C-alpha atoms as a PDB file:
ATOM      1  CA  MET A   1     -50.762  10.615 -43.096  1.00  0.00           C
ATOM      2  CA  LYS A   2     -47.743   9.226 -41.731  1.00  0.00           C
ATOM      3  CA  LYS A   3     -46.239   9.431 -44.789  1.00  0.00           C
ATOM      4  CA  ASN A   4     -46.821  12.497 -46.575  1.00  0.00           C
ATOM      5  CA  VAL A   5     -45.819  14.219 -43.077  1.00  0.00           C
ATOM      6  CA  LEU A   6     -42.288  12.420 -43.728  1.00  0.00           C
ATOM      7  CA  LEU A   7     -42.194  13.261 -47.551  1.00  0.00           C
ATOM      8  CA  LEU A   8     -42.756  16.733 -46.038  1.00  0.00           C
ATOM      9  CA  VAL A   9     -39.766  16.618 -43.684  1.00  0.00           C
ATOM     10  CA  VAL A  10     -37.597  14.897 -46.103  1.00  0.00           C
ATOM     11  CA  LEU A  11     -38.648  17.617 -48.972  1.00  0.00           C
ATOM     12  CA  GLY A  12     -37.067  20.445 -46.412  1.00  0.00           C
ATOM     13  CA  LEU A  13     -34.029  19.373 -45.968  1.00  0.00           C
ATOM     14  CA  PHE A  14     -32.843  18.995 -49.009  1.00  0.00           C
ATOM     15  CA  ILE A  15     -34.803  22.411 -49.802  1.00  0.00           C
ATOM     16  CA  THR A  16     -32.734  23.353 -46.616  1.00  0.00           C
ATOM     17  CA  PHE A  17     -29.770  21.929 -47.943  1.00  0.00           C
ATOM     18  CA  SER A  18     -29.457  23.061 -51.303  1.00  0.00           C
ATOM     19  CA  SER A  19     -30.063  26.625 -50.453  1.00  0.00           C
ATOM     20  CA  ASN A  20     -27.199  26.626 -48.406  1.00  0.00           C
ATOM     21  CA  ALA A  21     -25.303  24.914 -51.438  1.00  0.00           C
ATOM     22  CA  GLN A  22     -25.818  28.001 -53.505  1.00  0.00           C
ATOM     23  CA  SER A  23     -24.847  30.613 -50.597  1.00  0.00           C
ATOM     24  CA  ILE A  24     -22.377  33.432 -52.413  1.00  0.00           C
ATOM     25  CA  PHE A  25     -21.461  33.029 -48.602  1.00  0.00           C
ATOM     26  CA  GLY A  26     -17.800  31.972 -47.817  1.00  0.00           C
ATOM     27  CA  LYS A  27     -14.556  32.660 -49.338  1.00  0.00           C
ATOM     28  CA  TRP A  28     -13.269  33.725 -53.276  1.00  0.00           C
ATOM     29  CA  LYS A  29     -10.333  33.636 -55.430  1.00  0.00           C
ATOM     30  CA  THR A  30     -10.766  36.650 -56.782  1.00  0.00           C
ATOM     31  CA  ILE A  31      -9.587  36.455 -60.932  1.00  0.00           C
ATOM     32  CA  ASP A  32      -8.512  39.766 -62.458  1.00  0.00           C
ATOM     33  CA  ASP A  33     -10.661  40.234 -65.605  1.00  0.00           C
ATOM     34  CA  GLU A  34      -7.875  41.883 -67.828  1.00  0.00           C
ATOM     35  CA  THR A  35      -4.872  40.100 -66.991  1.00  0.00           C
ATOM     36  CA  GLY A  36      -6.407  36.238 -65.412  1.00  0.00           C
ATOM     37  CA  LYS A  37      -4.402  36.822 -62.873  1.00  0.00           C
ATOM     38  CA  GLU A  38      -5.319  35.942 -59.065  1.00  0.00           C
ATOM     39  CA  LYS A  39      -5.439  38.766 -56.828  1.00  0.00           C
ATOM     40  CA  SER A  40      -6.639  38.106 -53.625  1.00  0.00           C
ATOM     41  CA  ILE A  41      -8.582  35.613 -51.196  1.00  0.00           C
ATOM     42  CA  VAL A  42     -12.382  37.799 -50.597  1.00  0.00           C
ATOM     43  CA  GLU A  43     -14.988  36.704 -47.997  1.00  0.00           C
ATOM     44  CA  ILE A  44     -18.598  37.415 -48.620  1.00  0.00           C
ATOM     45  CA  TYR A  45     -20.589  38.002 -45.178  1.00  0.00           C
ATOM     46  CA  ASN A  46     -24.004  38.024 -43.634  1.00  0.00           C
ATOM     47  CA  VAL A  47     -24.944  40.783 -41.026  1.00  0.00           C
ATOM     48  CA  ASN A  48     -28.870  41.180 -40.830  1.00  0.00           C
ATOM     49  CA  GLY A  49     -29.901  40.131 -44.021  1.00  0.00           C
ATOM     50  CA  LYS A  50     -27.512  42.203 -46.133  1.00  0.00           C
ATOM     51  CA  ALA A  51     -24.048  41.084 -48.332  1.00  0.00           C
ATOM     52  CA  TYR A  52     -20.272  42.396 -47.088  1.00  0.00           C
ATOM     53  CA  ALA A  53     -17.014  41.881 -48.884  1.00  0.00           C
ATOM     54  CA  LYS A  54     -13.935  41.996 -47.158  1.00  0.00           C
ATOM     55  CA  VAL A  55      -9.863  40.806 -48.728  1.00  0.00           C
ATOM     56  CA  LEU A  56      -8.749  38.779 -46.375  1.00  0.00           C
ATOM     57  CA  GLN A  57      -5.534  38.277 -48.457  1.00  0.00           C
ATOM     58  CA  VAL A  58      -3.514  39.908 -51.154  1.00  0.00           C
ATOM     59  CA  LEU A  59      -2.772  36.879 -54.461  1.00  0.00           C
ATOM     60  CA  GLU A  60      -0.175  39.803 -55.687  1.00  0.00           C
ATOM     61  CA  LYS A  61       3.562  39.238 -55.563  1.00  0.00           C
ATOM     62  CA  GLY A  62       5.015  42.095 -53.768  1.00  0.00           C
ATOM     63  CA  LYS A  63       1.679  43.673 -53.236  1.00  0.00           C
ATOM     64  CA  GLU A  64       0.213  41.783 -49.969  1.00  0.00           C
ATOM     65  CA  ASP A  65       0.763  43.981 -47.797  1.00  0.00           C
ATOM     66  CA  LYS A  66      -0.368  47.663 -50.679  1.00  0.00           C
ATOM     67  CA  VAL A  67      -3.170  49.499 -49.522  1.00  0.00           C
ATOM     68  CA  CYS A  68      -5.260  52.344 -51.039  1.00  0.00           C
ATOM     69  CA  ASP A  69      -3.638  54.895 -51.167  1.00  0.00           C
ATOM     70  CA  LEU A  70      -5.886  56.653 -54.401  1.00  0.00           C
ATOM     71  CA  CYS A  71      -9.401  55.307 -52.061  1.00  0.00           C
ATOM     72  CA  LYS A  72     -11.280  58.604 -50.784  1.00  0.00           C
ATOM     73  CA  GLY A  73     -12.404  59.210 -47.169  1.00  0.00           C
ATOM     74  CA  ASP A  74     -12.275  56.626 -43.957  1.00  0.00           C
ATOM     75  CA  LYS A  75     -10.388  53.730 -46.679  1.00  0.00           C
ATOM     76  CA  LYS A  76      -7.652  56.513 -48.028  1.00  0.00           C
ATOM     77  CA  ASN A  77      -3.684  55.003 -47.053  1.00  0.00           C
ATOM     78  CA  LYS A  78      -5.415  51.655 -45.758  1.00  0.00           C
ATOM     79  CA  PRO A  79      -4.655  47.763 -45.671  1.00  0.00           C
ATOM     80  CA  VAL A  80      -6.194  46.647 -48.500  1.00  0.00           C
ATOM     81  CA  LYS A  81      -5.865  43.478 -46.786  1.00  0.00           C
ATOM     82  CA  GLY A  82      -8.096  43.401 -44.172  1.00  0.00           C
ATOM     83  CA  MET A  83     -10.969  45.921 -45.688  1.00  0.00           C
ATOM     84  CA  VAL A  84     -14.589  45.855 -46.681  1.00  0.00           C
ATOM     85  CA  ILE A  85     -14.863  46.187 -50.215  1.00  0.00           C
ATOM     86  CA  ILE A  86     -18.954  45.021 -50.912  1.00  0.00           C
ATOM     87  CA  ASP A  87     -21.113  46.601 -48.934  1.00  0.00           C
ATOM     88  CA  GLY A  88     -23.907  45.592 -47.834  1.00  0.00           C
ATOM     89  CA  LEU A  89     -25.848  44.034 -51.281  1.00  0.00           C
ATOM     90  CA  SER A  90     -29.821  42.968 -50.868  1.00  0.00           C
ATOM     91  CA  LYS A  91     -31.394  39.951 -51.991  1.00  0.00           C
ATOM     92  CA  ASP A  92     -33.300  40.250 -55.093  1.00  0.00           C
ATOM     93  CA  GLY A  93     -34.374  36.710 -56.470  1.00  0.00           C
ATOM     94  CA  ASP A  94     -31.118  35.287 -57.795  1.00  0.00           C
ATOM     95  CA  GLU A  95     -29.214  38.027 -57.661  1.00  0.00           C
ATOM     96  CA  TRP A  96     -27.805  40.073 -55.366  1.00  0.00           C
ATOM     97  CA  ASN A  97     -27.588  44.058 -56.019  1.00  0.00           C
ATOM     98  CA  ASP A  98     -28.341  47.900 -54.518  1.00  0.00           C
ATOM     99  CA  ALA A  99     -24.339  48.538 -52.632  1.00  0.00           C
ATOM    100  CA  LYS A 100     -21.490  49.695 -54.024  1.00  0.00           C
ATOM    101  CA  ILE A 101     -17.975  47.897 -54.804  1.00  0.00           C
ATOM    102  CA  LEU A 102     -14.481  49.302 -54.513  1.00  0.00           C
ATOM    103  CA  ASP A 103     -11.368  48.770 -56.706  1.00  0.00           C
ATOM    104  CA  PRO A 104      -8.750  49.499 -54.365  1.00  0.00           C
ATOM    105  CA  LYS A 105      -6.433  49.202 -57.717  1.00  0.00           C
ATOM    106  CA  THR A 106      -8.059  52.329 -58.832  1.00  0.00           C
ATOM    107  CA  GLY A 107      -9.586  53.772 -55.199  1.00  0.00           C
ATOM    108  CA  LYS A 108     -13.018  54.255 -57.219  1.00  0.00           C
ATOM    109  CA  GLU A 109     -15.901  52.534 -55.923  1.00  0.00           C
ATOM    110  CA  TYR A 110     -19.221  51.500 -58.205  1.00  0.00           C
ATOM    111  CA  LYS A 111     -22.391  50.094 -58.184  1.00  0.00           C
ATOM    112  CA  CYS A 112     -22.407  46.801 -58.922  1.00  0.00           C
ATOM    113  CA  TYR A 113     -24.199  43.217 -58.382  1.00  0.00           C
ATOM    114  CA  ILE A 114     -23.385  39.860 -58.360  1.00  0.00           C
ATOM    115  CA  THR A 115     -25.030  36.469 -58.535  1.00  0.00           C
ATOM    116  CA  LEU A 116     -23.778  32.734 -58.214  1.00  0.00           C
ATOM    117  CA  GLU A 117     -23.259  31.613 -62.178  1.00  0.00           C
ATOM    118  CA  GLU A 118     -22.477  27.942 -60.935  1.00  0.00           C
ATOM    119  CA  LYS A 119     -21.912  26.794 -57.046  1.00  0.00           C
ATOM    120  CA  ASN A 120     -18.673  27.571 -57.358  1.00  0.00           C
ATOM    121  CA  LYS A 121     -18.957  30.508 -60.115  1.00  0.00           C
ATOM    122  CA  LEU A 122     -19.867  34.406 -58.816  1.00  0.00           C
ATOM    123  CA  LYS A 123     -19.898  36.502 -61.690  1.00  0.00           C
ATOM    124  CA  VAL A 124     -19.050  40.746 -59.765  1.00  0.00           C
ATOM    125  CA  ARG A 125     -20.772  43.395 -62.254  1.00  0.00           C
ATOM    126  CA  GLY A 126     -19.296  46.570 -61.237  1.00  0.00           C
ATOM    127  CA  TYR A 127     -20.985  49.600 -63.040  1.00  0.00           C
ATOM    128  CA  ILE A 128     -21.821  53.027 -63.292  1.00  0.00           C
ATOM    129  CA  GLY A 129     -25.276  54.285 -63.699  1.00  0.00           C
ATOM    130  CA  PHE A 130     -26.239  51.484 -65.935  1.00  0.00           C
ATOM    131  CA  ALA A 131     -25.787  47.687 -65.897  1.00  0.00           C
ATOM    132  CA  LEU A 132     -24.359  48.193 -69.465  1.00  0.00           C
ATOM    133  CA  ILE A 133     -21.364  49.777 -68.814  1.00  0.00           C
ATOM    134  CA  GLY A 134     -19.101  47.711 -66.325  1.00  0.00           C
ATOM    135  CA  ARG A 135     -16.967  45.274 -66.165  1.00  0.00           C
ATOM    136  CA  THR A 136     -18.078  41.708 -64.866  1.00  0.00           C
ATOM    137  CA  GLN A 137     -15.083  39.254 -62.574  1.00  0.00           C
ATOM    138  CA  TYR A 138     -15.617  36.189 -61.577  1.00  0.00           C
ATOM    139  CA  TRP A 139     -14.596  34.579 -58.921  1.00  0.00           C
ATOM    140  CA  THR A 140     -14.172  31.361 -57.668  1.00  0.00           C
ATOM    141  CA  ARG A 141     -15.094  29.170 -53.893  1.00  0.00           C
ATOM    142  CA  LEU A 142     -12.501  28.743 -52.069  1.00  0.00           C
ATOM    143  CA  ASN A 143     -13.307  25.163 -50.034  1.00  0.00           C
ATOM    144  CA  ASP A 144     -11.923  25.005 -46.893  1.00  0.00           C
END
């Protein structure tokens, strides 16, 4: 009996640590899917079970203090640094979806979903209407 309890405790700890290693939450380096250049450092964080992403740093030379002049609403002419660009993804199996992502370069918002491809590689897909019509970026996890 004691062996079974110990086995369950060890298994529970293993699952807990494994799921934390497979989390989307943390800091990510974004890579432009068109140029292959590093764009920014983004933090994905959890609020009440939903995922949000905020720009912590703009990496493009000369654009560190850029404002979102093409954005609409309350984000218009606000600094990109500090801006929330993903607004509340919900977990659905291995995928996070049902929210929008903002492209500060164009000011446009798209439906999006994200999936963890590997421990340190995040697939971020923005699309219009159907997921087949859109763009995909791969973000790389930053290890603190």
